[in-house]
């Protein structure tokens, strides 16, 4: 199955759909143009559609609603979970300014203290 993400004018993913391998039979991402043509012609859906990998094999990760497409790096980026977290530009994942303690306790992030706390 091929998965396609619709992105709006701000490069935000608005939805993700699945296209049968019968429609786009070539290995991903080589079937992107066939899938885009099917979406436009057979489904009658306009807009900008980009293929996304369910296994994260290309474009960084599987696109989800609310993610942003970064056209410069050709990756999908999840929403920033907290204002203090920074984007790891190798993994394209958000990371806290301090690592989560690994001492067996349960922690949650506190943006107020900008650190991990035990609830």
PDB file of N, CA and C in Angstrom:
ATOM      1  N   UNK A   1       0.826  -1.173   0.000  1.00  0.00           N
ATOM      2  CA  UNK A   1       0.000   0.000   0.000  1.00  0.00           C
ATOM      3  C   UNK A   1       0.877   1.245   0.000  1.00  0.00           C
ATOM      4  N   UNK A   2       0.423   2.236  -0.728  1.00  0.00           N
ATOM      5  CA  UNK A   2       1.115   3.524  -0.760  1.00  0.00           C
ATOM      6  C   UNK A   2       0.290   4.526   0.037  1.00  0.00           C
ATOM      7  N   UNK A   3       0.956   5.354   0.815  1.00  0.00           N
ATOM      8  CA  UNK A   3       0.291   6.344   1.653  1.00  0.00           C
ATOM      9  C   UNK A   3       0.653   7.733   1.152  1.00  0.00           C
ATOM     10  N   UNK A   4      -0.352   8.593   1.099  1.00  0.00           N
ATOM     11  CA  UNK A   4      -0.150   9.959   0.606  1.00  0.00           C
ATOM     12  C   UNK A   4      -0.700  10.965   1.600  1.00  0.00           C
ATOM     13  N   UNK A   5       0.076  12.015   1.832  1.00  0.00           N
ATOM     14  CA  UNK A   5      -0.309  13.079   2.750  1.00  0.00           C
ATOM     15  C   UNK A   5      -0.684  14.320   1.948  1.00  0.00           C
ATOM     16  N   UNK A   6      -1.819  14.897   2.297  1.00  0.00           N
ATOM     17  CA  UNK A   6      -2.216  16.162   1.684  1.00  0.00           C
ATOM     18  C   UNK A   6      -1.644  17.283   2.545  1.00  0.00           C
ATOM     19  N   UNK A   7      -0.939  18.213   1.894  1.00  0.00           N
ATOM     20  CA  UNK A   7      -0.381  19.340   2.637  1.00  0.00           C
ATOM     21  C   UNK A   7      -1.043  20.625   2.156  1.00  0.00           C
ATOM     22  N   UNK A   8      -1.260  21.546   3.095  1.00  0.00           N
ATOM     23  CA  UNK A   8      -1.896  22.816   2.755  1.00  0.00           C
ATOM     24  C   UNK A   8      -0.849  23.833   2.323  1.00  0.00           C
ATOM     25  N   UNK A   9      -1.270  25.084   2.145  1.00  0.00           N
ATOM     26  CA  UNK A   9      -0.353  26.141   1.676  1.00  0.00           C
ATOM     27  C   UNK A   9       0.755  26.459   2.678  1.00  0.00           C
ATOM     28  N   UNK A  10       0.567  26.045   3.938  1.00  0.00           N
ATOM     29  CA  UNK A  10       1.592  26.252   4.961  1.00  0.00           C
ATOM     30  C   UNK A  10       2.424  24.994   5.198  1.00  0.00           C
ATOM     31  N   UNK A  11       2.266  23.996   4.319  1.00  0.00           N
ATOM     32  CA  UNK A  11       2.981  22.720   4.404  1.00  0.00           C
ATOM     33  C   UNK A  11       2.578  21.882   5.609  1.00  0.00           C
ATOM     34  N   UNK A  12       1.367  22.106   6.124  1.00  0.00           N
ATOM     35  CA  UNK A  12       0.857  21.318   7.241  1.00  0.00           C
ATOM     36  C   UNK A  12       0.009  20.181   6.680  1.00  0.00           C
ATOM     37  N   UNK A  13       0.207  18.980   7.205  1.00  0.00           N
ATOM     38  CA  UNK A  13      -0.533  17.804   6.753  1.00  0.00           C
ATOM     39  C   UNK A  13      -1.977  17.891   7.257  1.00  0.00           C
ATOM     40  N   UNK A  14      -2.920  17.823   6.317  1.00  0.00           N
ATOM     41  CA  UNK A  14      -4.330  17.897   6.695  1.00  0.00           C
ATOM     42  C   UNK A  14      -4.987  16.521   6.752  1.00  0.00           C
ATOM     43  N   UNK A  15      -4.466  15.565   5.995  1.00  0.00           N
ATOM     44  CA  UNK A  15      -4.973  14.191   6.044  1.00  0.00           C
ATOM     45  C   UNK A  15      -4.006  13.269   5.318  1.00  0.00           C
ATOM     46  N   UNK A  16      -4.156  11.968   5.583  1.00  0.00           N
ATOM     47  CA  UNK A  16      -3.340  10.945   4.938  1.00  0.00           C
ATOM     48  C   UNK A  16      -4.295   9.887   4.400  1.00  0.00           C
ATOM     49  N   UNK A  17      -4.069   9.469   3.149  1.00  0.00           N
ATOM     50  CA  UNK A  17      -4.906   8.435   2.538  1.00  0.00           C
ATOM     51  C   UNK A  17      -4.028   7.287   2.055  1.00  0.00           C
ATOM     52  N   UNK A  18      -4.672   6.154   1.762  1.00  0.00           N
ATOM     53  CA  UNK A  18      -3.969   4.963   1.302  1.00  0.00           C
ATOM     54  C   UNK A  18      -4.394   4.664  -0.129  1.00  0.00           C
ATOM     55  N   UNK A  19      -3.414   4.344  -0.967  1.00  0.00           N
ATOM     56  CA  UNK A  19      -3.641   3.989  -2.360  1.00  0.00           C
ATOM     57  C   UNK A  19      -3.172   2.543  -2.553  1.00  0.00           C
ATOM     58  N   UNK A  20      -3.960   1.759  -3.225  1.00  0.00           N
ATOM     59  CA  UNK A  20      -3.628   0.355  -3.475  1.00  0.00           C
ATOM     60  C   UNK A  20      -2.356   0.233  -4.300  1.00  0.00           C
ATOM     61  N   UNK A  21      -1.605  -0.825  -4.066  1.00  0.00           N
ATOM     62  CA  UNK A  21      -0.413  -1.098  -4.865  1.00  0.00           C
ATOM     63  C   UNK A  21      -0.772  -1.348  -6.329  1.00  0.00           C
ATOM     64  N   UNK A  22      -2.018  -1.712  -6.604  1.00  0.00           N
ATOM     65  CA  UNK A  22      -2.456  -1.884  -7.992  1.00  0.00           C
ATOM     66  C   UNK A  22      -2.429  -0.555  -8.742  1.00  0.00           C
ATOM     67  N   UNK A  23      -2.610   0.534  -8.021  1.00  0.00           N
ATOM     68  CA  UNK A  23      -2.622   1.872  -8.624  1.00  0.00           C
ATOM     69  C   UNK A  23      -1.192   2.394  -8.774  1.00  0.00           C
ATOM     70  N   UNK A  24      -0.397   2.215  -7.737  1.00  0.00           N
ATOM     71  CA  UNK A  24       0.974   2.711  -7.719  1.00  0.00           C
ATOM     72  C   UNK A  24       1.900   1.531  -7.419  1.00  0.00           C
ATOM     73  N   UNK A  25       2.179   0.681  -8.430  1.00  0.00           N
ATOM     74  CA  UNK A  25       2.883  -0.581  -8.188  1.00  0.00           C
ATOM     75  C   UNK A  25       4.389  -0.482  -7.992  1.00  0.00           C
ATOM     76  N   UNK A  26       5.011   0.604  -8.423  1.00  0.00           N
ATOM     77  CA  UNK A  26       6.465   0.688  -8.308  1.00  0.00           C
ATOM     78  C   UNK A  26       6.881   0.880  -6.853  1.00  0.00           C
ATOM     79  N   UNK A  27       8.111   0.490  -6.515  1.00  0.00           N
ATOM     80  CA  UNK A  27       8.578   0.677  -5.136  1.00  0.00           C
ATOM     81  C   UNK A  27       8.586   2.155  -4.753  1.00  0.00           C
ATOM     82  N   UNK A  28       8.209   2.433  -3.512  1.00  0.00           N
ATOM     83  CA  UNK A  28       8.208   3.803  -3.007  1.00  0.00           C
ATOM     84  C   UNK A  28       9.635   4.333  -2.987  1.00  0.00           C
ATOM     85  N   UNK A  29       9.884   5.607  -3.196  1.00  0.00           N
ATOM     86  CA  UNK A  29       8.920   6.641  -3.560  1.00  0.00           C
ATOM     87  C   UNK A  29       8.741   6.819  -5.067  1.00  0.00           C
ATOM     88  N   UNK A  30       9.151   5.850  -5.852  1.00  0.00           N
ATOM     89  CA  UNK A  30       9.072   5.968  -7.311  1.00  0.00           C
ATOM     90  C   UNK A  30       7.639   6.007  -7.833  1.00  0.00           C
ATOM     91  N   UNK A  31       6.679   5.630  -7.018  1.00  0.00           N
ATOM     92  CA  UNK A  31       5.296   5.628  -7.471  1.00  0.00           C
ATOM     93  C   UNK A  31       4.541   6.900  -7.091  1.00  0.00           C
ATOM     94  N   UNK A  32       5.241   7.901  -6.618  1.00  0.00           N
ATOM     95  CA  UNK A  32       4.580   9.131  -6.179  1.00  0.00           C
ATOM     96  C   UNK A  32       3.769   9.769  -7.305  1.00  0.00           C
ATOM     97  N   UNK A  33       4.308   9.882  -8.495  1.00  0.00           N
ATOM     98  CA  UNK A  33       3.579  10.531  -9.591  1.00  0.00           C
ATOM     99  C   UNK A  33       2.351   9.728 -10.002  1.00  0.00           C
ATOM    100  N   UNK A  34       2.443   8.400  -9.994  1.00  0.00           N
ATOM    101  CA  UNK A  34       1.283   7.563 -10.318  1.00  0.00           C
ATOM    102  C   UNK A  34       0.197   7.738  -9.267  1.00  0.00           C
ATOM    103  N   UNK A  35       0.571   7.792  -8.015  1.00  0.00           N
ATOM    104  CA  UNK A  35      -0.390   8.002  -6.934  1.00  0.00           C
ATOM    105  C   UNK A  35      -1.021   9.370  -7.001  1.00  0.00           C
ATOM    106  N   UNK A  36      -0.227  10.395  -7.288  1.00  0.00           N
ATOM    107  CA  UNK A  36      -0.758  11.755  -7.413  1.00  0.00           C
ATOM    108  C   UNK A  36      -1.759  11.845  -8.563  1.00  0.00           C
ATOM    109  N   UNK A  37      -1.450  11.198  -9.682  1.00  0.00           N
ATOM    110  CA  UNK A  37      -2.366  11.201 -10.828  1.00  0.00           C
ATOM    111  C   UNK A  37      -3.669  10.493 -10.467  1.00  0.00           C
ATOM    112  N   UNK A  38      -3.588   9.376  -9.757  1.00  0.00           N
ATOM    113  CA  UNK A  38      -4.788   8.652  -9.343  1.00  0.00           C
ATOM    114  C   UNK A  38      -5.643   9.507  -8.406  1.00  0.00           C
ATOM    115  N   UNK A  39      -4.998  10.168  -7.472  1.00  0.00           N
ATOM    116  CA  UNK A  39      -5.716  11.023  -6.518  1.00  0.00           C
ATOM    117  C   UNK A  39      -6.461  12.132  -7.249  1.00  0.00           C
ATOM    118  N   UNK A  40      -5.801  12.754  -8.216  1.00  0.00           N
ATOM    119  CA  UNK A  40      -6.419  13.851  -8.961  1.00  0.00           C
ATOM    120  C   UNK A  40      -7.477  13.358  -9.941  1.00  0.00           C
ATOM    121  N   UNK A  41      -7.153  12.335 -10.728  1.00  0.00           N
ATOM    122  CA  UNK A  41      -8.040  11.901 -11.815  1.00  0.00           C
ATOM    123  C   UNK A  41      -9.167  10.987 -11.338  1.00  0.00           C
ATOM    124  N   UNK A  42      -8.826   9.934 -10.635  1.00  0.00           N
ATOM    125  CA  UNK A  42      -9.839   8.949 -10.243  1.00  0.00           C
ATOM    126  C   UNK A  42     -10.621   9.372  -9.005  1.00  0.00           C
ATOM    127  N   UNK A  43      -9.929   9.984  -8.039  1.00  0.00           N
ATOM    128  CA  UNK A  43     -10.618  10.383  -6.816  1.00  0.00           C
ATOM    129  C   UNK A  43     -11.161  11.808  -6.885  1.00  0.00           C
ATOM    130  N   UNK A  44     -10.648  12.587  -7.856  1.00  0.00           N
ATOM    131  CA  UNK A  44     -11.118  13.962  -8.011  1.00  0.00           C
ATOM    132  C   UNK A  44     -10.706  14.882  -6.878  1.00  0.00           C
ATOM    133  N   UNK A  45      -9.588  14.561  -6.223  1.00  0.00           N
ATOM    134  CA  UNK A  45      -9.118  15.388  -5.112  1.00  0.00           C
ATOM    135  C   UNK A  45      -8.022  16.327  -5.596  1.00  0.00           C
ATOM    136  N   UNK A  46      -8.216  17.597  -5.357  1.00  0.00           N
ATOM    137  CA  UNK A  46      -7.189  18.572  -5.721  1.00  0.00           C
ATOM    138  C   UNK A  46      -6.233  18.735  -4.543  1.00  0.00           C
ATOM    139  N   UNK A  47      -5.305  19.622  -4.687  1.00  0.00           N
ATOM    140  CA  UNK A  47      -4.364  19.891  -3.609  1.00  0.00           C
ATOM    141  C   UNK A  47      -3.004  19.295  -3.883  1.00  0.00           C
ATOM    142  N   UNK A  48      -2.153  19.422  -2.896  1.00  0.00           N
ATOM    143  CA  UNK A  48      -0.789  18.915  -2.990  1.00  0.00           C
ATOM    144  C   UNK A  48      -0.700  17.632  -2.177  1.00  0.00           C
ATOM    145  N   UNK A  49      -0.310  16.552  -2.838  1.00  0.00           N
ATOM    146  CA  UNK A  49      -0.211  15.238  -2.213  1.00  0.00           C
ATOM    147  C   UNK A  49       1.211  14.719  -2.317  1.00  0.00           C
ATOM    148  N   UNK A  50       1.776  14.313  -1.194  1.00  0.00           N
ATOM    149  CA  UNK A  50       3.130  13.766  -1.159  1.00  0.00           C
ATOM    150  C   UNK A  50       3.094  12.378  -0.553  1.00  0.00           C
ATOM    151  N   UNK A  51       3.884  11.498  -1.121  1.00  0.00           N
ATOM    152  CA  UNK A  51       3.924  10.144  -0.593  1.00  0.00           C
ATOM    153  C   UNK A  51       4.663  10.138   0.739  1.00  0.00           C
ATOM    154  N   UNK A  52       4.191   9.305   1.639  1.00  0.00           N
ATOM    155  CA  UNK A  52       4.823   9.154   2.937  1.00  0.00           C
ATOM    156  C   UNK A  52       5.036   7.663   3.192  1.00  0.00           C
ATOM    157  N   UNK A  53       6.037   7.340   3.950  1.00  0.00           N
ATOM    158  CA  UNK A  53       6.391   5.944   4.196  1.00  0.00           C
ATOM    159  C   UNK A  53       5.874   5.485   5.548  1.00  0.00           C
ATOM    160  N   UNK A  54       5.025   4.469   5.527  1.00  0.00           N
ATOM    161  CA  UNK A  54       4.488   3.912   6.767  1.00  0.00           C
ATOM    162  C   UNK A  54       5.608   3.414   7.678  1.00  0.00           C
ATOM    163  N   UNK A  55       6.694   2.939   7.080  1.00  0.00           N
ATOM    164  CA  UNK A  55       7.842   2.442   7.848  1.00  0.00           C
ATOM    165  C   UNK A  55       8.905   3.509   8.094  1.00  0.00           C
ATOM    166  N   UNK A  56       8.651   4.730   7.630  1.00  0.00           N
ATOM    167  CA  UNK A  56       9.625   5.804   7.803  1.00  0.00           C
ATOM    168  C   UNK A  56      10.861   5.626   6.942  1.00  0.00           C
ATOM    169  N   UNK A  57      10.728   4.936   5.801  1.00  0.00           N
ATOM    170  CA  UNK A  57      11.883   4.666   4.940  1.00  0.00           C
ATOM    171  C   UNK A  57      12.340   5.884   4.146  1.00  0.00           C
ATOM    172  N   UNK A  58      11.473   6.865   3.997  1.00  0.00           N
ATOM    173  CA  UNK A  58      11.871   8.108   3.335  1.00  0.00           C
ATOM    174  C   UNK A  58      11.032   9.244   3.907  1.00  0.00           C
ATOM    175  N   UNK A  59      11.483  10.467   3.672  1.00  0.00           N
ATOM    176  CA  UNK A  59      10.866  11.681   4.209  1.00  0.00           C
ATOM    177  C   UNK A  59      10.815  11.679   5.739  1.00  0.00           C
ATOM    178  N   UNK A  60      11.793  11.031   6.333  1.00  0.00           N
ATOM    179  CA  UNK A  60      11.991  11.118   7.769  1.00  0.00           C
ATOM    180  C   UNK A  60      11.097  10.268   8.634  1.00  0.00           C
ATOM    181  N   UNK A  61       9.825  10.306   8.371  1.00  0.00           N
ATOM    182  CA  UNK A  61       8.871   9.584   9.203  1.00  0.00           C
ATOM    183  C   UNK A  61       7.539   9.519   8.483  1.00  0.00           C
ATOM    184  N   UNK A  62       6.641   8.703   8.995  1.00  0.00           N
ATOM    185  CA  UNK A  62       5.287   8.623   8.454  1.00  0.00           C
ATOM    186  C   UNK A  62       4.554   9.907   8.801  1.00  0.00           C
ATOM    187  N   UNK A  63       3.959  10.539   7.816  1.00  0.00           N
ATOM    188  CA  UNK A  63       3.258  11.800   8.039  1.00  0.00           C
ATOM    189  C   UNK A  63       1.968  11.578   8.808  1.00  0.00           C
ATOM    190  N   UNK A  64       1.685  12.476   9.716  1.00  0.00           N
ATOM    191  CA  UNK A  64       0.440  12.441  10.469  1.00  0.00           C
ATOM    192  C   UNK A  64      -0.247  13.786  10.380  1.00  0.00           C
ATOM    193  N   UNK A  65      -1.550  13.798  10.593  1.00  0.00           N
ATOM    194  CA  UNK A  65      -2.297  15.042  10.580  1.00  0.00           C
ATOM    195  C   UNK A  65      -1.679  16.007  11.593  1.00  0.00           C
ATOM    196  N   UNK A  66      -1.411  17.228  11.139  1.00  0.00           N
ATOM    197  CA  UNK A  66      -0.794  18.232  11.994  1.00  0.00           C
ATOM    198  C   UNK A  66       0.705  18.326  11.847  1.00  0.00           C
ATOM    199  N   UNK A  67       1.334  17.324  11.235  1.00  0.00           N
ATOM    200  CA  UNK A  67       2.770  17.403  10.968  1.00  0.00           C
ATOM    201  C   UNK A  67       3.028  18.484   9.929  1.00  0.00           C
ATOM    202  N   UNK A  68       4.263  18.922   9.833  1.00  0.00           N
ATOM    203  CA  UNK A  68       4.660  19.918   8.840  1.00  0.00           C
ATOM    204  C   UNK A  68       5.660  19.279   7.878  1.00  0.00           C
ATOM    205  N   UNK A  69       5.477  19.567   6.598  1.00  0.00           N
ATOM    206  CA  UNK A  69       6.427  19.096   5.596  1.00  0.00           C
ATOM    207  C   UNK A  69       7.505  20.147   5.422  1.00  0.00           C
ATOM    208  N   UNK A  70       8.757  19.751   5.553  1.00  0.00           N
ATOM    209  CA  UNK A  70       9.914  20.622   5.352  1.00  0.00           C
ATOM    210  C   UNK A  70      10.444  20.341   3.950  1.00  0.00           C
ATOM    211  N   UNK A  71      10.132  21.215   2.962  1.00  0.00           N
ATOM    212  CA  UNK A  71      10.544  20.942   1.589  1.00  0.00           C
ATOM    213  C   UNK A  71      12.053  21.051   1.365  1.00  0.00           C
ATOM    214  N   UNK A  72      12.745  21.817   2.179  1.00  0.00           N
ATOM    215  CA  UNK A  72      14.194  21.964   2.023  1.00  0.00           C
ATOM    216  C   UNK A  72      14.891  20.639   2.324  1.00  0.00           C
ATOM    217  N   UNK A  73      14.449  19.979   3.404  1.00  0.00           N
ATOM    218  CA  UNK A  73      15.070  18.716   3.814  1.00  0.00           C
ATOM    219  C   UNK A  73      14.262  17.493   3.397  1.00  0.00           C
ATOM    220  N   UNK A  74      13.098  17.723   2.763  1.00  0.00           N
ATOM    221  CA  UNK A  74      12.223  16.660   2.266  1.00  0.00           C
ATOM    222  C   UNK A  74      11.850  15.675   3.371  1.00  0.00           C
ATOM    223  N   UNK A  75      11.374  16.220   4.503  1.00  0.00           N
ATOM    224  CA  UNK A  75      10.976  15.407   5.646  1.00  0.00           C
ATOM    225  C   UNK A  75       9.672  15.934   6.249  1.00  0.00           C
ATOM    226  N   UNK A  76       8.964  15.043   6.940  1.00  0.00           N
ATOM    227  CA  UNK A  76       7.803  15.433   7.728  1.00  0.00           C
ATOM    228  C   UNK A  76       8.252  15.586   9.174  1.00  0.00           C
ATOM    229  N   UNK A  77       7.809  16.661   9.808  1.00  0.00           N
ATOM    230  CA  UNK A  77       8.208  16.971  11.186  1.00  0.00           C
ATOM    231  C   UNK A  77       6.952  17.032  12.057  1.00  0.00           C
ATOM    232  N   UNK A  78       6.959  16.340  13.204  1.00  0.00           N
ATOM    233  CA  UNK A  78       5.796  16.405  14.089  1.00  0.00           C
ATOM    234  C   UNK A  78       5.675  17.787  14.738  1.00  0.00           C
ATOM    235  N   UNK A  79       4.503  18.109  15.266  1.00  0.00           N
ATOM    236  CA  UNK A  79       4.345  19.398  15.962  1.00  0.00           C
ATOM    237  C   UNK A  79       5.276  19.471  17.179  1.00  0.00           C
ATOM    238  N   UNK A  80       5.722  20.651  17.474  1.00  0.00           N
ATOM    239  CA  UNK A  80       6.586  20.861  18.636  1.00  0.00           C
ATOM    240  C   UNK A  80       5.754  20.650  19.902  1.00  0.00           C
ATOM    241  N   UNK A  81       6.158  19.699  20.776  1.00  0.00           N
ATOM    242  CA  UNK A  81       5.338  19.393  21.949  1.00  0.00           C
ATOM    243  C   UNK A  81       5.359  20.480  23.029  1.00  0.00           C
ATOM    244  N   UNK A  82       6.494  21.156  23.176  1.00  0.00           N
ATOM    245  CA  UNK A  82       6.645  22.211  24.178  1.00  0.00           C
ATOM    246  C   UNK A  82       7.533  23.302  23.594  1.00  0.00           C
ATOM    247  N   UNK A  83       7.303  24.557  23.965  1.00  0.00           N
ATOM    248  CA  UNK A  83       8.116  25.655  23.414  1.00  0.00           C
ATOM    249  C   UNK A  83       9.617  25.521  23.671  1.00  0.00           C
ATOM    250  N   UNK A  84      10.007  24.882  24.758  1.00  0.00           N
ATOM    251  CA  UNK A  84      11.433  24.791  25.088  1.00  0.00           C
ATOM    252  C   UNK A  84      12.153  23.669  24.347  1.00  0.00           C
ATOM    253  N   UNK A  85      11.410  22.758  23.741  1.00  0.00           N
ATOM    254  CA  UNK A  85      12.047  21.628  23.070  1.00  0.00           C
ATOM    255  C   UNK A  85      12.634  22.071  21.734  1.00  0.00           C
ATOM    256  N   UNK A  86      13.739  21.460  21.348  1.00  0.00           N
ATOM    257  CA  UNK A  86      14.442  21.828  20.119  1.00  0.00           C
ATOM    258  C   UNK A  86      14.408  20.669  19.128  1.00  0.00           C
ATOM    259  N   UNK A  87      14.436  21.010  17.862  1.00  0.00           N
ATOM    260  CA  UNK A  87      14.372  20.013  16.809  1.00  0.00           C
ATOM    261  C   UNK A  87      15.754  19.424  16.538  1.00  0.00           C
ATOM    262  N   UNK A  88      15.850  18.115  16.646  1.00  0.00           N
ATOM    263  CA  UNK A  88      17.061  17.393  16.271  1.00  0.00           C
ATOM    264  C   UNK A  88      17.017  17.266  14.750  1.00  0.00           C
ATOM    265  N   UNK A  89      17.899  17.962  14.061  1.00  0.00           N
ATOM    266  CA  UNK A  89      17.857  18.002  12.602  1.00  0.00           C
ATOM    267  C   UNK A  89      18.517  16.804  11.937  1.00  0.00           C
ATOM    268  N   UNK A  90      18.976  15.852  12.717  1.00  0.00           N
ATOM    269  CA  UNK A  90      19.436  14.581  12.146  1.00  0.00           C
ATOM    270  C   UNK A  90      18.300  13.564  12.150  1.00  0.00           C
ATOM    271  N   UNK A  91      17.514  13.552  13.234  1.00  0.00           N
ATOM    272  CA  UNK A  91      16.404  12.611  13.378  1.00  0.00           C
ATOM    273  C   UNK A  91      15.048  13.243  13.060  1.00  0.00           C
ATOM    274  N   UNK A  92      15.008  14.572  13.032  1.00  0.00           N
ATOM    275  CA  UNK A  92      13.771  15.336  12.847  1.00  0.00           C
ATOM    276  C   UNK A  92      12.735  14.954  13.894  1.00  0.00           C
ATOM    277  N   UNK A  93      13.191  14.927  15.138  1.00  0.00           N
ATOM    278  CA  UNK A  93      12.350  14.701  16.294  1.00  0.00           C
ATOM    279  C   UNK A  93      12.637  15.809  17.304  1.00  0.00           C
ATOM    280  N   UNK A  94      11.631  16.166  18.088  1.00  0.00           N
ATOM    281  CA  UNK A  94      11.787  17.194  19.114  1.00  0.00           C
ATOM    282  C   UNK A  94      12.415  16.582  20.357  1.00  0.00           C
ATOM    283  N   UNK A  95      13.358  17.314  20.944  1.00  0.00           N
ATOM    284  CA  UNK A  95      14.049  16.830  22.127  1.00  0.00           C
ATOM    285  C   UNK A  95      13.992  17.871  23.235  1.00  0.00           C
ATOM    286  N   UNK A  96      13.876  17.398  24.478  1.00  0.00           N
ATOM    287  CA  UNK A  96      13.851  18.339  25.605  1.00  0.00           C
ATOM    288  C   UNK A  96      15.238  18.944  25.820  1.00  0.00           C
ATOM    289  N   UNK A  97      15.282  20.115  26.451  1.00  0.00           N
ATOM    290  CA  UNK A  97      16.592  20.733  26.695  1.00  0.00           C
ATOM    291  C   UNK A  97      17.452  19.952  27.683  1.00  0.00           C
ATOM    292  N   UNK A  98      16.818  19.106  28.495  1.00  0.00           N
ATOM    293  CA  UNK A  98      17.567  18.234  29.398  1.00  0.00           C
ATOM    294  C   UNK A  98      17.052  16.805  29.217  1.00  0.00           C
ATOM    295  N   UNK A  99      17.928  15.831  29.204  1.00  0.00           N
ATOM    296  CA  UNK A  99      17.486  14.446  29.026  1.00  0.00           C
ATOM    297  C   UNK A  99      16.607  13.983  30.187  1.00  0.00           C
ATOM    298  N   UNK A 100      15.696  13.067  29.882  1.00  0.00           N
ATOM    299  CA  UNK A 100      14.831  12.481  30.909  1.00  0.00           C
ATOM    300  C   UNK A 100      15.683  11.589  31.814  1.00  0.00           C
ATOM    301  N   UNK A 101      15.537  11.727  33.136  1.00  0.00           N
ATOM    302  CA  UNK A 101      16.312  10.862  34.046  1.00  0.00           C
ATOM    303  C   UNK A 101      16.014   9.387  33.801  1.00  0.00           C
ATOM    304  N   UNK A 102      17.025   8.581  33.957  1.00  0.00           N
ATOM    305  CA  UNK A 102      16.888   7.138  33.730  1.00  0.00           C
ATOM    306  C   UNK A 102      17.157   6.404  35.046  1.00  0.00           C
ATOM    307  N   UNK A 103      16.289   6.689  36.038  1.00  0.00           N
ATOM    308  CA  UNK A 103      16.493   6.091  37.355  1.00  0.00           C
ATOM    309  C   UNK A 103      15.336   5.200  37.788  1.00  0.00           C
ATOM    310  N   UNK A 104      14.468   4.847  36.835  1.00  0.00           N
ATOM    311  CA  UNK A 104      13.369   3.940  37.134  1.00  0.00           C
ATOM    312  C   UNK A 104      12.097   4.630  37.616  1.00  0.00           C
ATOM    313  N   UNK A 105      12.153   5.912  37.913  1.00  0.00           N
ATOM    314  CA  UNK A 105      10.954   6.639  38.334  1.00  0.00           C
ATOM    315  C   UNK A 105      10.169   7.116  37.121  1.00  0.00           C
ATOM    316  N   UNK A 106       8.894   7.414  37.348  1.00  0.00           N
ATOM    317  CA  UNK A 106       8.044   7.963  36.286  1.00  0.00           C
ATOM    318  C   UNK A 106       8.163   9.484  36.316  1.00  0.00           C
ATOM    319  N   UNK A 107       8.457  10.066  35.150  1.00  0.00           N
ATOM    320  CA  UNK A 107       8.603  11.512  35.049  1.00  0.00           C
ATOM    321  C   UNK A 107       7.678  12.058  33.966  1.00  0.00           C
ATOM    322  N   UNK A 108       7.296  13.317  34.136  1.00  0.00           N
ATOM    323  CA  UNK A 108       6.581  14.060  33.102  1.00  0.00           C
ATOM    324  C   UNK A 108       7.312  15.381  32.902  1.00  0.00           C
ATOM    325  N   UNK A 109       7.147  15.939  31.723  1.00  0.00           N
ATOM    326  CA  UNK A 109       7.800  17.205  31.421  1.00  0.00           C
ATOM    327  C   UNK A 109       6.997  18.354  32.016  1.00  0.00           C
ATOM    328  N   UNK A 110       7.685  19.297  32.636  1.00  0.00           N
ATOM    329  CA  UNK A 110       7.074  20.516  33.161  1.00  0.00           C
ATOM    330  C   UNK A 110       7.659  21.697  32.407  1.00  0.00           C
ATOM    331  N   UNK A 111       6.829  22.325  31.596  1.00  0.00           N
ATOM    332  CA  UNK A 111       7.304  23.500  30.857  1.00  0.00           C
ATOM    333  C   UNK A 111       7.524  24.667  31.806  1.00  0.00           C
ATOM    334  N   UNK A 112       6.768  24.694  32.908  1.00  0.00           N
ATOM    335  CA  UNK A 112       6.919  25.776  33.880  1.00  0.00           C
ATOM    336  C   UNK A 112       8.309  25.761  34.503  1.00  0.00           C
ATOM    337  N   UNK A 113       8.809  24.586  34.865  1.00  0.00           N
ATOM    338  CA  UNK A 113      10.146  24.498  35.452  1.00  0.00           C
ATOM    339  C   UNK A 113      11.215  24.165  34.410  1.00  0.00           C
ATOM    340  N   UNK A 114      10.773  23.925  33.187  1.00  0.00           N
ATOM    341  CA  UNK A 114      11.642  23.516  32.074  1.00  0.00           C
ATOM    342  C   UNK A 114      12.514  22.343  32.504  1.00  0.00           C
ATOM    343  N   UNK A 115      11.832  21.316  32.993  1.00  0.00           N
ATOM    344  CA  UNK A 115      12.536  20.124  33.430  1.00  0.00           C
ATOM    345  C   UNK A 115      11.583  18.984  33.708  1.00  0.00           C
ATOM    346  N   UNK A 116      12.148  17.838  34.026  1.00  0.00           N
ATOM    347  CA  UNK A 116      11.381  16.631  34.320  1.00  0.00           C
ATOM    348  C   UNK A 116      11.004  16.626  35.780  1.00  0.00           C
ATOM    349  N   UNK A 117       9.748  16.269  36.082  1.00  0.00           N
ATOM    350  CA  UNK A 117       9.295  16.207  37.463  1.00  0.00           C
ATOM    351  C   UNK A 117       8.571  14.870  37.693  1.00  0.00           C
ATOM    352  N   UNK A 118       8.540  14.474  38.959  1.00  0.00           N
ATOM    353  CA  UNK A 118       7.760  13.308  39.365  1.00  0.00           C
ATOM    354  C   UNK A 118       6.380  13.847  39.725  1.00  0.00           C
ATOM    355  N   UNK A 119       5.329  13.361  39.052  1.00  0.00           N
ATOM    356  CA  UNK A 119       3.989  13.920  39.322  1.00  0.00           C
ATOM    357  C   UNK A 119       3.462  13.547  40.694  1.00  0.00           C
TER     358      UNK A 119
END
